[in-house]
Amino acid sequence: MPMLQNRAAPNIPQAPTEYNQSYMDSLSNVIRLFFNTINTVQQLNLASLNLDLKTLPTDADVANLRLGDVYRDTATDVLKIKV
Protein backbone atom coordinates (compact mmCIF):
# COMPACT_ATOMS: atom_id res chain seq x y z
CA MET A 1 0.00 0.00 0.00
CA PRO A 2 1.56 3.32 -0.95
CA MET A 3 2.25 5.86 1.71
CA LEU A 4 0.50 9.17 1.02
CA GLN A 5 2.24 11.21 3.66
CA ASN A 6 5.78 11.55 4.92
CA ARG A 7 6.57 10.02 8.26
CA ALA A 8 9.43 11.04 10.49
CA ALA A 9 12.02 8.37 11.05
CA PRO A 10 12.13 7.19 14.66
CA ASN A 11 14.95 8.17 17.00
CA ILE A 12 17.15 5.09 17.31
CA PRO A 13 18.89 4.79 20.69
CA GLN A 14 22.71 5.05 20.67
CA ALA A 15 24.32 1.62 20.64
CA PRO A 16 26.62 0.66 23.51
CA THR A 17 30.07 -0.71 22.72
CA GLU A 18 29.10 -4.15 24.06
CA TYR A 19 25.85 -6.13 23.94
CA ASN A 20 23.27 -4.73 26.32
CA GLN A 21 19.84 -6.30 26.76
CA SER A 22 18.07 -3.06 27.67
CA TYR A 23 19.45 -1.41 24.50
CA MET A 24 18.20 -4.30 22.36
CA ASP A 25 14.81 -4.13 24.06
CA SER A 26 14.62 -0.37 23.38
CA LEU A 27 15.67 -0.83 19.77
CA SER A 28 13.08 -3.57 19.22
CA ASN A 29 10.40 -1.38 20.79
CA VAL A 30 11.24 1.62 18.58
CA ILE A 31 11.18 -0.53 15.44
CA ARG A 32 7.90 -2.21 16.45
CA LEU A 33 6.23 1.15 17.12
CA PHE A 34 7.47 2.56 13.80
CA PHE A 35 6.07 -0.38 11.81
CA ASN A 36 2.79 -0.19 13.72
CA THR A 37 2.55 3.49 12.74
CA ILE A 38 3.21 2.69 9.09
CA ASN A 39 0.56 -0.06 9.07
CA THR A 40 -2.11 2.03 10.81
CA VAL A 41 -4.90 3.33 8.58
CA GLN A 42 -5.07 7.08 8.98
CA GLN A 43 -7.57 9.66 7.82
CA LEU A 44 -6.35 11.95 5.05
CA ASN A 45 -7.82 15.36 4.29
CA LEU A 46 -7.21 16.23 0.66
CA ALA A 47 -8.03 19.46 -1.11
CA SER A 48 -8.02 17.70 -4.46
CA LEU A 49 -7.27 14.29 -5.86
CA ASN A 50 -6.58 13.56 -9.50
CA LEU A 51 -7.31 10.02 -10.68
CA ASP A 52 -7.02 8.49 -14.10
CA LEU A 53 -9.97 6.09 -14.26
CA LYS A 54 -8.23 4.05 -16.96
CA THR A 55 -5.47 3.06 -14.52
CA LEU A 56 -7.74 1.95 -11.67
CA PRO A 57 -8.55 -1.72 -11.16
CA THR A 58 -12.01 -2.79 -12.29
CA ASP A 59 -14.66 -5.07 -10.85
CA ALA A 60 -12.91 -7.94 -12.66
CA ASP A 61 -9.93 -7.43 -10.31
CA VAL A 62 -11.90 -7.46 -7.03
CA ALA A 63 -10.67 -10.92 -6.02
CA ASN A 64 -7.07 -9.66 -6.05
CA LEU A 65 -7.75 -6.42 -4.15
CA ARG A 66 -7.28 -5.79 -0.43
CA LEU A 67 -10.07 -4.52 1.80
CA GLY A 68 -10.33 -0.75 1.38
CA ASP A 69 -8.89 -0.68 -2.16
CA VAL A 70 -10.74 1.46 -4.70
CA TYR A 71 -11.91 -0.01 -8.00
CA ARG A 72 -14.12 1.01 -10.90
CA ASP A 73 -17.40 -0.81 -11.46
CA THR A 74 -17.54 -1.08 -15.28
CA ALA A 75 -21.29 -1.74 -15.37
CA THR A 76 -22.21 1.55 -13.68
CA ASP A 77 -18.92 3.44 -14.13
CA VAL A 78 -18.86 4.21 -10.41
CA LEU A 79 -15.92 4.10 -8.02
CA LYS A 80 -16.35 1.53 -5.26
CA ILE A 81 -14.34 0.40 -2.25
CA LYS A 82 -13.79 -3.29 -1.57
CA VAL A 83 -15.36 -4.19 1.78
C-alpha atoms as a PDB file:
ATOM      1  CA  MET A   1       0.000   0.000   0.000  1.00  0.00           C
ATOM      2  CA  PRO A   2       1.562   3.322  -0.953  1.00  0.00           C
ATOM      3  CA  MET A   3       2.247   5.861   1.715  1.00  0.00           C
ATOM      4  CA  LEU A   4       0.501   9.165   1.022  1.00  0.00           C
ATOM      5  CA  GLN A   5       2.238  11.213   3.662  1.00  0.00           C
ATOM      6  CA  ASN A   6       5.784  11.545   4.922  1.00  0.00           C
ATOM      7  CA  ARG A   7       6.567  10.015   8.261  1.00  0.00           C
ATOM      8  CA  ALA A   8       9.426  11.042  10.492  1.00  0.00           C
ATOM      9  CA  ALA A   9      12.020   8.369  11.051  1.00  0.00           C
ATOM     10  CA  PRO A  10      12.128   7.187  14.665  1.00  0.00           C
ATOM     11  CA  ASN A  11      14.951   8.167  17.004  1.00  0.00           C
ATOM     12  CA  ILE A  12      17.147   5.091  17.314  1.00  0.00           C
ATOM     13  CA  PRO A  13      18.892   4.790  20.694  1.00  0.00           C
ATOM     14  CA  GLN A  14      22.706   5.047  20.674  1.00  0.00           C
ATOM     15  CA  ALA A  15      24.318   1.621  20.643  1.00  0.00           C
ATOM     16  CA  PRO A  16      26.617   0.656  23.513  1.00  0.00           C
ATOM     17  CA  THR A  17      30.072  -0.713  22.723  1.00  0.00           C
ATOM     18  CA  GLU A  18      29.096  -4.151  24.058  1.00  0.00           C
ATOM     19  CA  TYR A  19      25.852  -6.125  23.935  1.00  0.00           C
ATOM     20  CA  ASN A  20      23.267  -4.727  26.319  1.00  0.00           C
ATOM     21  CA  GLN A  21      19.845  -6.297  26.756  1.00  0.00           C
ATOM     22  CA  SER A  22      18.069  -3.062  27.673  1.00  0.00           C
ATOM     23  CA  TYR A  23      19.448  -1.414  24.497  1.00  0.00           C
ATOM     24  CA  MET A  24      18.205  -4.303  22.356  1.00  0.00           C
ATOM     25  CA  ASP A  25      14.806  -4.130  24.064  1.00  0.00           C
ATOM     26  CA  SER A  26      14.623  -0.374  23.383  1.00  0.00           C
ATOM     27  CA  LEU A  27      15.671  -0.830  19.767  1.00  0.00           C
ATOM     28  CA  SER A  28      13.078  -3.569  19.223  1.00  0.00           C
ATOM     29  CA  ASN A  29      10.400  -1.380  20.792  1.00  0.00           C
ATOM     30  CA  VAL A  30      11.235   1.621  18.578  1.00  0.00           C
ATOM     31  CA  ILE A  31      11.181  -0.526  15.436  1.00  0.00           C
ATOM     32  CA  ARG A  32       7.904  -2.214  16.452  1.00  0.00           C
ATOM     33  CA  LEU A  33       6.233   1.154  17.118  1.00  0.00           C
ATOM     34  CA  PHE A  34       7.475   2.557  13.800  1.00  0.00           C
ATOM     35  CA  PHE A  35       6.067  -0.377  11.811  1.00  0.00           C
ATOM     36  CA  ASN A  36       2.789  -0.190  13.725  1.00  0.00           C
ATOM     37  CA  THR A  37       2.550   3.488  12.741  1.00  0.00           C
ATOM     38  CA  ILE A  38       3.206   2.685   9.093  1.00  0.00           C
ATOM     39  CA  ASN A  39       0.560  -0.055   9.069  1.00  0.00           C
ATOM     40  CA  THR A  40      -2.112   2.025  10.806  1.00  0.00           C
ATOM     41  CA  VAL A  41      -4.899   3.329   8.585  1.00  0.00           C
ATOM     42  CA  GLN A  42      -5.071   7.082   8.981  1.00  0.00           C
ATOM     43  CA  GLN A  43      -7.566   9.662   7.817  1.00  0.00           C
ATOM     44  CA  LEU A  44      -6.348  11.947   5.050  1.00  0.00           C
ATOM     45  CA  ASN A  45      -7.816  15.356   4.291  1.00  0.00           C
ATOM     46  CA  LEU A  46      -7.213  16.225   0.657  1.00  0.00           C
ATOM     47  CA  ALA A  47      -8.032  19.458  -1.107  1.00  0.00           C
ATOM     48  CA  SER A  48      -8.016  17.697  -4.460  1.00  0.00           C
ATOM     49  CA  LEU A  49      -7.266  14.292  -5.857  1.00  0.00           C
ATOM     50  CA  ASN A  50      -6.584  13.558  -9.503  1.00  0.00           C
ATOM     51  CA  LEU A  51      -7.313  10.017 -10.683  1.00  0.00           C
ATOM     52  CA  ASP A  52      -7.021   8.487 -14.102  1.00  0.00           C
ATOM     53  CA  LEU A  53      -9.969   6.092 -14.263  1.00  0.00           C
ATOM     54  CA  LYS A  54      -8.233   4.050 -16.963  1.00  0.00           C
ATOM     55  CA  THR A  55      -5.473   3.057 -14.523  1.00  0.00           C
ATOM     56  CA  LEU A  56      -7.743   1.952 -11.668  1.00  0.00           C
ATOM     57  CA  PRO A  57      -8.549  -1.720 -11.164  1.00  0.00           C
ATOM     58  CA  THR A  58     -12.013  -2.792 -12.287  1.00  0.00           C
ATOM     59  CA  ASP A  59     -14.663  -5.066 -10.848  1.00  0.00           C
ATOM     60  CA  ALA A  60     -12.913  -7.941 -12.661  1.00  0.00           C
ATOM     61  CA  ASP A  61      -9.930  -7.428 -10.309  1.00  0.00           C
ATOM     62  CA  VAL A  62     -11.905  -7.459  -7.034  1.00  0.00           C
ATOM     63  CA  ALA A  63     -10.675 -10.919  -6.020  1.00  0.00           C
ATOM     64  CA  ASN A  64      -7.069  -9.656  -6.049  1.00  0.00           C
ATOM     65  CA  LEU A  65      -7.748  -6.418  -4.146  1.00  0.00           C
ATOM     66  CA  ARG A  66      -7.283  -5.788  -0.432  1.00  0.00           C
ATOM     67  CA  LEU A  67     -10.069  -4.519   1.798  1.00  0.00           C
ATOM     68  CA  GLY A  68     -10.333  -0.753   1.377  1.00  0.00           C
ATOM     69  CA  ASP A  69      -8.890  -0.678  -2.160  1.00  0.00           C
ATOM     70  CA  VAL A  70     -10.741   1.461  -4.698  1.00  0.00           C
ATOM     71  CA  TYR A  71     -11.909  -0.013  -7.999  1.00  0.00           C
ATOM     72  CA  ARG A  72     -14.124   1.014 -10.900  1.00  0.00           C
ATOM     73  CA  ASP A  73     -17.405  -0.812 -11.462  1.00  0.00           C
ATOM     74  CA  THR A  74     -17.544  -1.076 -15.276  1.00  0.00           C
ATOM     75  CA  ALA A  75     -21.286  -1.736 -15.371  1.00  0.00           C
ATOM     76  CA  THR A  76     -22.206   1.546 -13.678  1.00  0.00           C
ATOM     77  CA  ASP A  77     -18.919   3.443 -14.132  1.00  0.00           C
ATOM     78  CA  VAL A  78     -18.860   4.213 -10.405  1.00  0.00           C
ATOM     79  CA  LEU A  79     -15.915   4.103  -8.017  1.00  0.00           C
ATOM     80  CA  LYS A  80     -16.347   1.534  -5.259  1.00  0.00           C
ATOM     81  CA  ILE A  81     -14.343   0.399  -2.252  1.00  0.00           C
ATOM     82  CA  LYS A  82     -13.786  -3.291  -1.568  1.00  0.00           C
ATOM     83  CA  VAL A  83     -15.362  -4.193   1.780  1.00  0.00           C
END
